[in-house]
Amino acid sequence: MIETNVSKHHQTFPQVIQSYYQLTKPRIIPLLLITTAGSMWIAGEGKVDPLLLLVTLTGGTLAAASAQTINCIYDRDIDYDMERTRHRPLPSGKIQPRDALIFAIALGVISFSLLAVFANLLAAMLAMSGIVFYILVYTHWLKRSSTQNIVVGGAAGAIPALVGWAAVTGTLSWVAWLLFAIVFVWTPPHFWALALMIRDDYAKVGIPMLPVVAGNEATVRQIWFYSLVLVPTTLLLVYPLHATGIVYAAIALALGGLFIFKAWRLLHNPGDRTLAKDLFLYSISYMMLLCLSMVIDSLTLTHRVISFVASQLHLVG
């Protein structure tokens, strides 16, 4: 790591709070939480204790914030070199690295304590493993050395699904690992679409993202491949695992069809950053709606409505 030539900033208390808040990259966290919630609802078969949900989501938030803060510490040199990230708290000098590290450790300790006490030790250990994997495997090892950084590193973003399942059941089943796989397979097309948009920034600081090293055409082919794998993977929850039903199946098919269509358009226009942005933004909505469909499908009310409709159709038949 190299130190950036930044000076200390004198801030008011609200500005200090805002700076620490920005250090956690808060826009990334909601997506991690919704995968946690979707997993919890399937694990609980539509019935999740509100306190357990609150504790698990809070613990997950703190764990993610801790990981993102350490990532900011490690990447403060390249953040300083990119105009897009130069004004973040560390490269701008609003927060010092030592203070950020103390903050990150505190977040991690509180996260582990909450999950261990109010959920279970497995959920707490999984949350900590997500921090370690994100920092050591993705940030330290792969991000600056391999075009497959986001593929392998994407496992860190899939761990919240395991945390949610473990919090409810205290174990990990095949369904939990399939939820992990869904997020894992979704990550490359999601992140590479972003990388296509900001390829020049990565090239400037020497980060070997796939579009920088292999070019746009190779990247969109990989996006297309992962998109084709993603949709049938989501349907494995319906069959053979029978973890979800017809409501989830219908929504997953509709969302997946649109995902593949957008990836297909990008495949035929690899240099179109507007299409890359469209896919990137849709991929966020896709994962949120997919997880929401898991919640809806698991609800007792949904099962009653489906049973009622089925009985009426039987009578008509």
C-alpha atoms as a PDB file:
ATOM      1  CA  MET A   1       0.000   0.000   0.000  1.00  0.00           C
ATOM      2  CA  ILE A   2       1.104   3.532  -0.688  1.00  0.00           C
ATOM      3  CA  GLU A   3       0.093   6.587   1.208  1.00  0.00           C
ATOM      4  CA  THR A   4      -1.836   9.248  -0.653  1.00  0.00           C
ATOM      5  CA  ASN A   5      -0.910  12.873  -0.330  1.00  0.00           C
ATOM      6  CA  VAL A   6      -3.985  14.105   1.459  1.00  0.00           C
ATOM      7  CA  SER A   7      -4.346  16.505   4.325  1.00  0.00           C
ATOM      8  CA  LYS A   8      -6.533  16.142   7.376  1.00  0.00           C
ATOM      9  CA  HIS A   9      -9.924  17.781   7.079  1.00  0.00           C
ATOM     10  CA  HIS A  10     -11.617  19.621   9.919  1.00  0.00           C
ATOM     11  CA  GLN A  11     -15.217  18.459  10.007  1.00  0.00           C
ATOM     12  CA  THR A  12     -18.279  19.106  12.116  1.00  0.00           C
ATOM     13  CA  PHE A  13     -19.747  16.161  14.026  1.00  0.00           C
ATOM     14  CA  PRO A  14     -22.525  15.527  11.447  1.00  0.00           C
ATOM     15  CA  GLN A  15     -19.881  15.574   8.705  1.00  0.00           C
ATOM     16  CA  VAL A  16     -17.789  13.024  10.615  1.00  0.00           C
ATOM     17  CA  ILE A  17     -20.828  10.747  10.921  1.00  0.00           C
ATOM     18  CA  GLN A  18     -21.507  11.159   7.210  1.00  0.00           C
ATOM     19  CA  SER A  19     -17.906  10.303   6.357  1.00  0.00           C
ATOM     20  CA  TYR A  20     -17.962   7.090   8.374  1.00  0.00           C
ATOM     21  CA  TYR A  21     -21.308   6.220   6.823  1.00  0.00           C
ATOM     22  CA  GLN A  22     -19.847   6.683   3.331  1.00  0.00           C
ATOM     23  CA  LEU A  23     -16.900   4.485   4.306  1.00  0.00           C
ATOM     24  CA  THR A  24     -19.255   1.489   4.517  1.00  0.00           C
ATOM     25  CA  LYS A  25     -20.445   1.874   0.883  1.00  0.00           C
ATOM     26  CA  PRO A  26     -24.081   1.756   2.033  1.00  0.00           C
ATOM     27  CA  ARG A  27     -25.596   1.432  -1.454  1.00  0.00           C
ATOM     28  CA  ILE A  28     -24.216  -2.113  -1.727  1.00  0.00           C
ATOM     29  CA  ILE A  29     -25.660  -3.398   1.544  1.00  0.00           C
ATOM     30  CA  PRO A  30     -29.455  -3.535   0.814  1.00  0.00           C
ATOM     31  CA  LEU A  31     -28.909  -6.114  -1.918  1.00  0.00           C
ATOM     32  CA  LEU A  32     -27.019  -8.332   0.523  1.00  0.00           C
ATOM     33  CA  LEU A  33     -29.805  -7.990   3.076  1.00  0.00           C
ATOM     34  CA  ILE A  34     -32.586  -8.975   0.698  1.00  0.00           C
ATOM     35  CA  THR A  35     -30.781 -12.196  -0.185  1.00  0.00           C
ATOM     36  CA  THR A  36     -30.493 -12.856   3.549  1.00  0.00           C
ATOM     37  CA  ALA A  37     -34.207 -12.210   4.054  1.00  0.00           C
ATOM     38  CA  GLY A  38     -35.243 -14.367   1.104  1.00  0.00           C
ATOM     39  CA  SER A  39     -33.184 -17.243   2.471  1.00  0.00           C
ATOM     40  CA  MET A  40     -34.693 -16.816   5.945  1.00  0.00           C
ATOM     41  CA  TRP A  41     -38.245 -16.942   4.651  1.00  0.00           C
ATOM     42  CA  ILE A  42     -37.668 -20.127   2.685  1.00  0.00           C
ATOM     43  CA  ALA A  43     -35.874 -21.699   5.664  1.00  0.00           C
ATOM     44  CA  GLY A  44     -38.729 -20.715   7.972  1.00  0.00           C
ATOM     45  CA  GLU A  45     -41.393 -21.838   5.477  1.00  0.00           C
ATOM     46  CA  GLY A  46     -42.991 -18.409   5.552  1.00  0.00           C
ATOM     47  CA  LYS A  47     -42.728 -17.892   9.308  1.00  0.00           C
ATOM     48  CA  VAL A  48     -39.769 -15.894  10.605  1.00  0.00           C
ATOM     49  CA  ASP A  49     -39.477 -14.520  14.128  1.00  0.00           C
ATOM     50  CA  PRO A  50     -39.415 -10.698  13.783  1.00  0.00           C
ATOM     51  CA  LEU A  51     -36.670 -10.328  16.408  1.00  0.00           C
ATOM     52  CA  LEU A  52     -34.507 -12.943  14.698  1.00  0.00           C
ATOM     53  CA  LEU A  53     -35.051 -11.193  11.361  1.00  0.00           C
ATOM     54  CA  LEU A  54     -34.079  -7.830  12.844  1.00  0.00           C
ATOM     55  CA  VAL A  55     -30.982  -9.211  14.570  1.00  0.00           C
ATOM     56  CA  THR A  56     -29.831 -11.155  11.497  1.00  0.00           C
ATOM     57  CA  LEU A  57     -30.264  -8.209   9.149  1.00  0.00           C
ATOM     58  CA  THR A  58     -28.551  -5.888  11.628  1.00  0.00           C
ATOM     59  CA  GLY A  59     -25.672  -8.309  12.081  1.00  0.00           C
ATOM     60  CA  GLY A  60     -25.400  -8.726   8.329  1.00  0.00           C
ATOM     61  CA  THR A  61     -25.385  -4.976   7.832  1.00  0.00           C
ATOM     62  CA  LEU A  62     -22.569  -4.510  10.330  1.00  0.00           C
ATOM     63  CA  ALA A  63     -20.523  -7.378   8.847  1.00  0.00           C
ATOM     64  CA  ALA A  64     -20.883  -5.973   5.334  1.00  0.00           C
ATOM     65  CA  ALA A  65     -20.026  -2.481   6.572  1.00  0.00           C
ATOM     66  CA  SER A  66     -16.908  -3.836   8.268  1.00  0.00           C
ATOM     67  CA  ALA A  67     -15.776  -5.611   5.088  1.00  0.00           C
ATOM     68  CA  GLN A  68     -16.409  -2.557   2.916  1.00  0.00           C
ATOM     69  CA  THR A  69     -14.519  -0.312   5.330  1.00  0.00           C
ATOM     70  CA  ILE A  70     -11.445  -2.562   5.256  1.00  0.00           C
ATOM     71  CA  ASN A  71     -11.743  -2.669   1.472  1.00  0.00           C
ATOM     72  CA  CYS A  72     -11.654   1.130   1.421  1.00  0.00           C
ATOM     73  CA  ILE A  73      -8.523   1.116   3.589  1.00  0.00           C
ATOM     74  CA  TYR A  74      -6.775  -1.330   1.294  1.00  0.00           C
ATOM     75  CA  ASP A  75      -7.837   0.389  -1.933  1.00  0.00           C
ATOM     76  CA  ARG A  76      -7.267   3.983  -0.862  1.00  0.00           C
ATOM     77  CA  ASP A  77      -4.331   4.305  -3.271  1.00  0.00           C
ATOM     78  CA  ILE A  78      -6.307   3.401  -6.373  1.00  0.00           C
ATOM     79  CA  ASP A  79      -9.326   5.330  -5.085  1.00  0.00           C
ATOM     80  CA  TYR A  80      -7.131   8.429  -5.018  1.00  0.00           C
ATOM     81  CA  ASP A  81      -6.091   7.883  -8.631  1.00  0.00           C
ATOM     82  CA  MET A  82      -9.656   7.581  -9.968  1.00  0.00           C
ATOM     83  CA  GLU A  83     -11.717  10.744 -10.294  1.00  0.00           C
ATOM     84  CA  ARG A  84     -14.892   8.775  -9.535  1.00  0.00           C
ATOM     85  CA  THR A  85     -13.602   7.706  -6.100  1.00  0.00           C
ATOM     86  CA  ARG A  86     -11.119  10.442  -5.204  1.00  0.00           C
ATOM     87  CA  HIS A  87     -13.562  12.179  -2.876  1.00  0.00           C
ATOM     88  CA  ARG A  88     -14.235   9.134  -0.717  1.00  0.00           C
ATOM     89  CA  PRO A  89     -13.419   9.647   2.999  1.00  0.00           C
ATOM     90  CA  LEU A  90      -9.969   7.990   3.012  1.00  0.00           C
ATOM     91  CA  PRO A  91      -8.356   9.310  -0.197  1.00  0.00           C
ATOM     92  CA  SER A  92      -9.742  12.777   0.532  1.00  0.00           C
ATOM     93  CA  GLY A  93      -8.267  12.739   4.048  1.00  0.00           C
ATOM     94  CA  LYS A  94     -11.565  13.077   5.872  1.00  0.00           C
ATOM     95  CA  ILE A  95     -10.816   9.895   7.824  1.00  0.00           C
ATOM     96  CA  GLN A  96      -7.419   8.472   8.721  1.00  0.00           C
ATOM     97  CA  PRO A  97      -6.647   4.783   8.002  1.00  0.00           C
ATOM     98  CA  ARG A  98      -6.039   3.939  11.672  1.00  0.00           C
ATOM     99  CA  ASP A  99      -9.425   5.347  12.680  1.00  0.00           C
ATOM    100  CA  ALA A 100     -11.124   3.513   9.821  1.00  0.00           C
ATOM    101  CA  LEU A 101      -9.531   0.222  10.900  1.00  0.00           C
ATOM    102  CA  ILE A 102     -10.721   0.681  14.506  1.00  0.00           C
ATOM    103  CA  PHE A 103     -14.189   1.415  13.136  1.00  0.00           C
ATOM    104  CA  ALA A 104     -14.133  -1.729  10.968  1.00  0.00           C
ATOM    105  CA  ILE A 105     -13.008  -3.947  13.848  1.00  0.00           C
ATOM    106  CA  ALA A 106     -15.732  -2.544  16.097  1.00  0.00           C
ATOM    107  CA  LEU A 107     -18.380  -3.237  13.447  1.00  0.00           C
ATOM    108  CA  GLY A 108     -17.149  -6.798  13.036  1.00  0.00           C
ATOM    109  CA  VAL A 109     -17.097  -7.485  16.787  1.00  0.00           C
ATOM    110  CA  ILE A 110     -20.629  -6.130  17.266  1.00  0.00           C
ATOM    111  CA  SER A 111     -21.872  -8.142  14.278  1.00  0.00           C
ATOM    112  CA  PHE A 112     -20.397 -11.385  15.609  1.00  0.00           C
ATOM    113  CA  SER A 113     -21.733 -10.740  19.109  1.00  0.00           C
ATOM    114  CA  LEU A 114     -25.272 -10.011  17.913  1.00  0.00           C
ATOM    115  CA  LEU A 115     -25.464 -13.076  15.698  1.00  0.00           C
ATOM    116  CA  ALA A 116     -23.809 -15.415  18.197  1.00  0.00           C
ATOM    117  CA  VAL A 117     -26.039 -14.348  21.101  1.00  0.00           C
ATOM    118  CA  PHE A 118     -29.413 -13.843  19.394  1.00  0.00           C
ATOM    119  CA  ALA A 119     -29.149 -16.209  16.405  1.00  0.00           C
ATOM    120  CA  ASN A 120     -26.496 -18.930  16.642  1.00  0.00           C
ATOM    121  CA  LEU A 121     -22.748 -19.480  16.376  1.00  0.00           C
ATOM    122  CA  LEU A 122     -22.941 -20.878  12.833  1.00  0.00           C
ATOM    123  CA  ALA A 123     -24.583 -17.710  11.503  1.00  0.00           C
ATOM    124  CA  ALA A 124     -22.005 -15.582  13.322  1.00  0.00           C
ATOM    125  CA  MET A 125     -19.082 -17.612  11.980  1.00  0.00           C
ATOM    126  CA  LEU A 126     -20.457 -17.459   8.431  1.00  0.00           C
ATOM    127  CA  ALA A 127     -20.762 -13.674   8.642  1.00  0.00           C
ATOM    128  CA  MET A 128     -17.145 -13.434   9.784  1.00  0.00           C
ATOM    129  CA  SER A 129     -16.048 -15.793   6.996  1.00  0.00           C
ATOM    130  CA  GLY A 130     -17.663 -13.404   4.529  1.00  0.00           C
ATOM    131  CA  ILE A 131     -15.488 -10.567   5.831  1.00  0.00           C
ATOM    132  CA  VAL A 132     -12.323 -12.668   5.685  1.00  0.00           C
ATOM    133  CA  PHE A 133     -13.057 -14.009   2.197  1.00  0.00           C
ATOM    134  CA  TYR A 134     -13.887 -10.568   0.825  1.00  0.00           C
ATOM    135  CA  ILE A 135     -10.721  -9.001   2.208  1.00  0.00           C
ATOM    136  CA  LEU A 136      -8.160 -11.758   1.751  1.00  0.00           C
ATOM    137  CA  VAL A 137      -9.368 -13.577  -1.356  1.00  0.00           C
ATOM    138  CA  TYR A 138     -11.013 -10.809  -3.365  1.00  0.00           C
ATOM    139  CA  THR A 139      -9.449  -7.531  -2.246  1.00  0.00           C
ATOM    140  CA  HIS A 140      -5.913  -8.695  -1.412  1.00  0.00           C
ATOM    141  CA  TRP A 141      -5.339 -11.666  -3.701  1.00  0.00           C
ATOM    142  CA  LEU A 142      -7.535 -11.474  -6.806  1.00  0.00           C
ATOM    143  CA  LYS A 143      -8.702  -7.929  -7.440  1.00  0.00           C
ATOM    144  CA  ARG A 144      -5.328  -6.658  -8.636  1.00  0.00           C
ATOM    145  CA  SER A 145      -4.047  -9.906 -10.159  1.00  0.00           C
ATOM    146  CA  SER A 146      -6.723 -11.857 -12.026  1.00  0.00           C
ATOM    147  CA  THR A 147      -9.534 -11.330 -14.550  1.00  0.00           C
ATOM    148  CA  GLN A 148     -11.471 -13.920 -12.535  1.00  0.00           C
ATOM    149  CA  ASN A 149     -11.426 -11.663  -9.475  1.00  0.00           C
ATOM    150  CA  ILE A 150     -15.154 -11.063  -9.448  1.00  0.00           C
ATOM    151  CA  VAL A 151     -16.015 -14.696 -10.227  1.00  0.00           C
ATOM    152  CA  VAL A 152     -14.190 -16.204  -7.255  1.00  0.00           C
ATOM    153  CA  GLY A 153     -14.580 -13.115  -5.098  1.00  0.00           C
ATOM    154  CA  GLY A 154     -18.322 -13.173  -5.736  1.00  0.00           C
ATOM    155  CA  ALA A 155     -18.593 -15.965  -3.176  1.00  0.00           C
ATOM    156  CA  ALA A 156     -18.309 -13.305  -0.467  1.00  0.00           C
ATOM    157  CA  GLY A 157     -21.489 -11.660  -1.723  1.00  0.00           C
ATOM    158  CA  ALA A 158     -23.281 -15.024  -1.720  1.00  0.00           C
ATOM    159  CA  ILE A 159     -22.496 -15.823   1.917  1.00  0.00           C
ATOM    160  CA  PRO A 160     -25.402 -13.691   3.323  1.00  0.00           C
ATOM    161  CA  ALA A 161     -27.800 -16.288   1.893  1.00  0.00           C
ATOM    162  CA  LEU A 162     -26.047 -18.906   4.047  1.00  0.00           C
ATOM    163  CA  VAL A 163     -26.148 -16.601   7.069  1.00  0.00           C
ATOM    164  CA  GLY A 164     -29.912 -16.181   6.718  1.00  0.00           C
ATOM    165  CA  TRP A 165     -30.521 -19.912   6.434  1.00  0.00           C
ATOM    166  CA  ALA A 166     -28.229 -20.733   9.346  1.00  0.00           C
ATOM    167  CA  ALA A 167     -29.863 -18.085  11.541  1.00  0.00           C
ATOM    168  CA  VAL A 168     -33.239 -19.810  11.163  1.00  0.00           C
ATOM    169  CA  THR A 169     -32.256 -23.482  11.140  1.00  0.00           C
ATOM    170  CA  GLY A 170     -28.817 -23.655  12.748  1.00  0.00           C
ATOM    171  CA  THR A 171     -27.656 -25.840   9.843  1.00  0.00           C
ATOM    172  CA  LEU A 172     -26.906 -25.629   6.115  1.00  0.00           C
ATOM    173  CA  SER A 173     -28.944 -27.721   3.674  1.00  0.00           C
ATOM    174  CA  TRP A 174     -28.829 -28.288  -0.094  1.00  0.00           C
ATOM    175  CA  VAL A 175     -31.374 -25.469  -0.470  1.00  0.00           C
ATOM    176  CA  ALA A 176     -29.072 -23.080   1.387  1.00  0.00           C
ATOM    177  CA  TRP A 177     -26.177 -23.964  -0.886  1.00  0.00           C
ATOM    178  CA  LEU A 178     -28.382 -23.537  -3.961  1.00  0.00           C
ATOM    179  CA  LEU A 179     -29.318 -20.035  -2.778  1.00  0.00           C
ATOM    180  CA  PHE A 180     -25.592 -19.397  -2.405  1.00  0.00           C
ATOM    181  CA  ALA A 181     -25.068 -20.691  -5.972  1.00  0.00           C
ATOM    182  CA  ILE A 182     -27.780 -18.429  -7.390  1.00  0.00           C
ATOM    183  CA  VAL A 183     -26.097 -15.302  -6.021  1.00  0.00           C
ATOM    184  CA  PHE A 184     -22.679 -16.653  -7.028  1.00  0.00           C
ATOM    185  CA  VAL A 185     -23.739 -17.185 -10.674  1.00  0.00           C
ATOM    186  CA  TRP A 186     -25.593 -13.856 -10.768  1.00  0.00           C
ATOM    187  CA  THR A 187     -22.555 -11.847  -9.639  1.00  0.00           C
ATOM    188  CA  PRO A 188     -20.384 -12.027 -12.835  1.00  0.00           C
ATOM    189  CA  PRO A 189     -22.999 -10.666 -15.288  1.00  0.00           C
ATOM    190  CA  HIS A 190     -24.010  -8.063 -12.723  1.00  0.00           C
ATOM    191  CA  PHE A 191     -20.495  -6.822 -12.015  1.00  0.00           C
ATOM    192  CA  TRP A 192     -19.079  -7.191 -15.530  1.00  0.00           C
ATOM    193  CA  ALA A 193     -21.904  -5.022 -16.845  1.00  0.00           C
ATOM    194  CA  LEU A 194     -20.676  -2.346 -14.428  1.00  0.00           C
ATOM    195  CA  ALA A 195     -17.072  -2.991 -15.458  1.00  0.00           C
ATOM    196  CA  LEU A 196     -18.023  -2.339 -19.093  1.00  0.00           C
ATOM    197  CA  MET A 197     -19.374   1.055 -18.038  1.00  0.00           C
ATOM    198  CA  ILE A 198     -16.284   2.117 -16.063  1.00  0.00           C
ATOM    199  CA  ARG A 199     -13.646   0.178 -17.984  1.00  0.00           C
ATOM    200  CA  ASP A 200     -11.454   3.276 -18.424  1.00  0.00           C
ATOM    201  CA  ASP A 201     -11.251   3.840 -14.667  1.00  0.00           C
ATOM    202  CA  TYR A 202     -10.048   0.296 -14.066  1.00  0.00           C
ATOM    203  CA  ALA A 203      -7.553   0.551 -16.914  1.00  0.00           C
ATOM    204  CA  LYS A 204      -6.153   3.782 -15.479  1.00  0.00           C
ATOM    205  CA  VAL A 205      -5.213   2.170 -12.176  1.00  0.00           C
ATOM    206  CA  GLY A 206      -4.178  -1.205 -13.586  1.00  0.00           C
ATOM    207  CA  ILE A 207      -7.015  -3.328 -12.185  1.00  0.00           C
ATOM    208  CA  PRO A 208      -7.313  -6.382 -14.485  1.00  0.00           C
ATOM    209  CA  MET A 209     -11.074  -6.460 -14.843  1.00  0.00           C
ATOM    210  CA  LEU A 210     -12.169  -8.655 -17.735  1.00  0.00           C
ATOM    211  CA  PRO A 211     -13.119  -5.802 -20.117  1.00  0.00           C
ATOM    212  CA  VAL A 212      -9.684  -4.214 -19.589  1.00  0.00           C
ATOM    213  CA  VAL A 213      -7.685  -7.383 -20.260  1.00  0.00           C
ATOM    214  CA  ALA A 214      -9.846  -9.375 -22.673  1.00  0.00           C
ATOM    215  CA  GLY A 215     -11.944  -6.628 -24.257  1.00  0.00           C
ATOM    216  CA  ASN A 216     -15.665  -5.952 -24.524  1.00  0.00           C
ATOM    217  CA  GLU A 217     -16.534  -8.833 -26.842  1.00  0.00           C
ATOM    218  CA  ALA A 218     -15.008 -11.500 -24.609  1.00  0.00           C
ATOM    219  CA  THR A 219     -16.716  -9.923 -21.604  1.00  0.00           C
ATOM    220  CA  VAL A 220     -20.194  -9.888 -23.106  1.00  0.00           C
ATOM    221  CA  ARG A 221     -19.775 -13.521 -24.173  1.00  0.00           C
ATOM    222  CA  GLN A 222     -19.054 -14.378 -20.545  1.00  0.00           C
ATOM    223  CA  ILE A 223     -22.049 -12.308 -19.426  1.00  0.00           C
ATOM    224  CA  TRP A 224     -24.208 -14.236 -21.908  1.00  0.00           C
ATOM    225  CA  PHE A 225     -22.885 -17.587 -20.658  1.00  0.00           C
ATOM    226  CA  TYR A 226     -23.503 -16.810 -16.991  1.00  0.00           C
ATOM    227  CA  SER A 227     -26.965 -15.441 -17.792  1.00  0.00           C
ATOM    228  CA  LEU A 228     -27.904 -18.697 -19.518  1.00  0.00           C
ATOM    229  CA  VAL A 229     -26.667 -20.661 -16.490  1.00  0.00           C
ATOM    230  CA  LEU A 230     -28.383 -18.367 -13.974  1.00  0.00           C
ATOM    231  CA  VAL A 231     -31.990 -18.855 -15.046  1.00  0.00           C
ATOM    232  CA  PRO A 232     -32.136 -22.685 -14.859  1.00  0.00           C
ATOM    233  CA  THR A 233     -30.179 -22.511 -11.595  1.00  0.00           C
ATOM    234  CA  THR A 234     -32.937 -20.413 -10.022  1.00  0.00           C
ATOM    235  CA  LEU A 235     -35.518 -23.005 -11.086  1.00  0.00           C
ATOM    236  CA  LEU A 236     -33.756 -25.798  -9.202  1.00  0.00           C
ATOM    237  CA  LEU A 237     -35.485 -24.405  -6.105  1.00  0.00           C
ATOM    238  CA  VAL A 238     -38.743 -25.566  -7.672  1.00  0.00           C
ATOM    239  CA  TYR A 239     -37.482 -28.904  -8.965  1.00  0.00           C
ATOM    240  CA  PRO A 240     -35.888 -31.110  -7.776  1.00  0.00           C
ATOM    241  CA  LEU A 241     -35.568 -29.432  -4.353  1.00  0.00           C
ATOM    242  CA  HIS A 242     -39.266 -28.442  -4.000  1.00  0.00           C
ATOM    243  CA  ALA A 243     -38.295 -25.495  -1.787  1.00  0.00           C
ATOM    244  CA  THR A 244     -40.542 -23.075  -3.681  1.00  0.00           C
ATOM    245  CA  GLY A 245     -43.757 -23.338  -5.656  1.00  0.00           C
ATOM    246  CA  ILE A 246     -45.640 -22.049  -8.662  1.00  0.00           C
ATOM    247  CA  VAL A 247     -45.624 -18.366  -7.699  1.00  0.00           C
ATOM    248  CA  TYR A 248     -41.851 -18.276  -7.442  1.00  0.00           C
ATOM    249  CA  ALA A 249     -41.513 -20.372 -10.616  1.00  0.00           C
ATOM    250  CA  ALA A 250     -43.636 -17.972 -12.663  1.00  0.00           C
ATOM    251  CA  ILE A 251     -41.841 -14.866 -11.403  1.00  0.00           C
ATOM    252  CA  ALA A 252     -38.394 -16.453 -11.782  1.00  0.00           C
ATOM    253  CA  LEU A 253     -39.176 -17.412 -15.398  1.00  0.00           C
ATOM    254  CA  ALA A 254     -40.430 -13.923 -16.249  1.00  0.00           C
ATOM    255  CA  LEU A 255     -37.488 -12.176 -14.574  1.00  0.00           C
ATOM    256  CA  GLY A 256     -35.009 -14.624 -16.079  1.00  0.00           C
ATOM    257  CA  GLY A 257     -36.419 -14.255 -19.571  1.00  0.00           C
ATOM    258  CA  LEU A 258     -35.935 -10.493 -19.427  1.00  0.00           C
ATOM    259  CA  PHE A 259     -32.421 -10.956 -18.018  1.00  0.00           C
ATOM    260  CA  ILE A 260     -31.475 -13.205 -20.934  1.00  0.00           C
ATOM    261  CA  PHE A 261     -33.003 -10.772 -23.425  1.00  0.00           C
ATOM    262  CA  LYS A 262     -30.977  -7.871 -22.075  1.00  0.00           C
ATOM    263  CA  ALA A 263     -27.817  -9.994 -22.073  1.00  0.00           C
ATOM    264  CA  TRP A 264     -28.567 -11.049 -25.678  1.00  0.00           C
ATOM    265  CA  ARG A 265     -28.869  -7.402 -26.767  1.00  0.00           C
ATOM    266  CA  LEU A 266     -25.554  -6.614 -25.127  1.00  0.00           C
ATOM    267  CA  LEU A 267     -23.987  -9.682 -26.761  1.00  0.00           C
ATOM    268  CA  HIS A 268     -24.776  -8.191 -30.171  1.00  0.00           C
ATOM    269  CA  ASN A 269     -23.689  -4.669 -29.166  1.00  0.00           C
ATOM    270  CA  PRO A 270     -20.603  -5.178 -26.950  1.00  0.00           C
ATOM    271  CA  GLY A 271     -19.477  -1.562 -27.170  1.00  0.00           C
ATOM    272  CA  ASP A 272     -22.818  -0.032 -26.174  1.00  0.00           C
ATOM    273  CA  ARG A 273     -22.396   1.321 -22.645  1.00  0.00           C
ATOM    274  CA  THR A 274     -26.068   2.277 -22.504  1.00  0.00           C
ATOM    275  CA  LEU A 275     -27.033  -1.379 -22.877  1.00  0.00           C
ATOM    276  CA  ALA A 276     -24.391  -2.327 -20.300  1.00  0.00           C
ATOM    277  CA  LYS A 277     -25.878   0.172 -17.868  1.00  0.00           C
ATOM    278  CA  ASP A 278     -29.371  -1.127 -18.612  1.00  0.00           C
ATOM    279  CA  LEU A 279     -28.305  -4.690 -17.788  1.00  0.00           C
ATOM    280  CA  PHE A 280     -26.444  -3.586 -14.669  1.00  0.00           C
ATOM    281  CA  LEU A 281     -29.433  -1.697 -13.276  1.00  0.00           C
ATOM    282  CA  TYR A 282     -31.818  -4.487 -14.204  1.00  0.00           C
ATOM    283  CA  SER A 283     -29.603  -7.080 -12.526  1.00  0.00           C
ATOM    284  CA  ILE A 284     -30.107  -5.253  -9.224  1.00  0.00           C
ATOM    285  CA  SER A 285     -33.889  -5.214  -9.654  1.00  0.00           C
ATOM    286  CA  TYR A 286     -33.755  -8.833 -10.790  1.00  0.00           C
ATOM    287  CA  MET A 287     -32.127 -10.086  -7.595  1.00  0.00           C
ATOM    288  CA  MET A 288     -34.362  -7.993  -5.366  1.00  0.00           C
ATOM    289  CA  LEU A 289     -37.545  -9.171  -7.099  1.00  0.00           C
ATOM    290  CA  LEU A 290     -36.348 -12.771  -7.204  1.00  0.00           C
ATOM    291  CA  CYS A 291     -35.797 -12.738  -3.436  1.00  0.00           C
ATOM    292  CA  LEU A 292     -39.137 -10.982  -2.923  1.00  0.00           C
ATOM    293  CA  SER A 293     -40.804 -13.755  -4.925  1.00  0.00           C
ATOM    294  CA  MET A 294     -39.208 -16.280  -2.538  1.00  0.00           C
ATOM    295  CA  VAL A 295     -40.832 -14.460   0.383  1.00  0.00           C
ATOM    296  CA  ILE A 296     -44.241 -14.209  -1.305  1.00  0.00           C
ATOM    297  CA  ASP A 297     -44.162 -17.842  -2.380  1.00  0.00           C
ATOM    298  CA  SER A 298     -43.394 -19.029   1.159  1.00  0.00           C
ATOM    299  CA  LEU A 299     -46.288 -17.192   2.847  1.00  0.00           C
ATOM    300  CA  THR A 300     -49.216 -19.166   4.244  1.00  0.00           C
ATOM    301  CA  LEU A 301     -51.630 -16.738   2.577  1.00  0.00           C
ATOM    302  CA  THR A 302     -50.103 -17.503  -0.809  1.00  0.00           C
ATOM    303  CA  HIS A 303     -50.526 -21.239  -0.247  1.00  0.00           C
ATOM    304  CA  ARG A 304     -54.164 -20.728   0.745  1.00  0.00           C
ATOM    305  CA  VAL A 305     -54.894 -18.652  -2.344  1.00  0.00           C
ATOM    306  CA  ILE A 306     -53.270 -21.241  -4.610  1.00  0.00           C
ATOM    307  CA  SER A 307     -55.217 -24.052  -2.929  1.00  0.00           C
ATOM    308  CA  PHE A 308     -58.471 -22.126  -3.301  1.00  0.00           C
ATOM    309  CA  VAL A 309     -57.855 -21.401  -6.975  1.00  0.00           C
ATOM    310  CA  ALA A 310     -56.892 -25.026  -7.607  1.00  0.00           C
ATOM    311  CA  SER A 311     -60.059 -26.271  -5.907  1.00  0.00           C
ATOM    312  CA  GLN A 312     -62.218 -23.912  -7.940  1.00  0.00           C
ATOM    313  CA  LEU A 313     -60.585 -25.054 -11.165  1.00  0.00           C
ATOM    314  CA  HIS A 314     -61.159 -28.670 -10.105  1.00  0.00           C
ATOM    315  CA  LEU A 315     -64.842 -27.989  -9.529  1.00  0.00           C
ATOM    316  CA  VAL A 316     -65.182 -26.274 -12.900  1.00  0.00           C
ATOM    317  CA  GLY A 317     -63.355 -29.158 -14.578  1.00  0.00           C
END
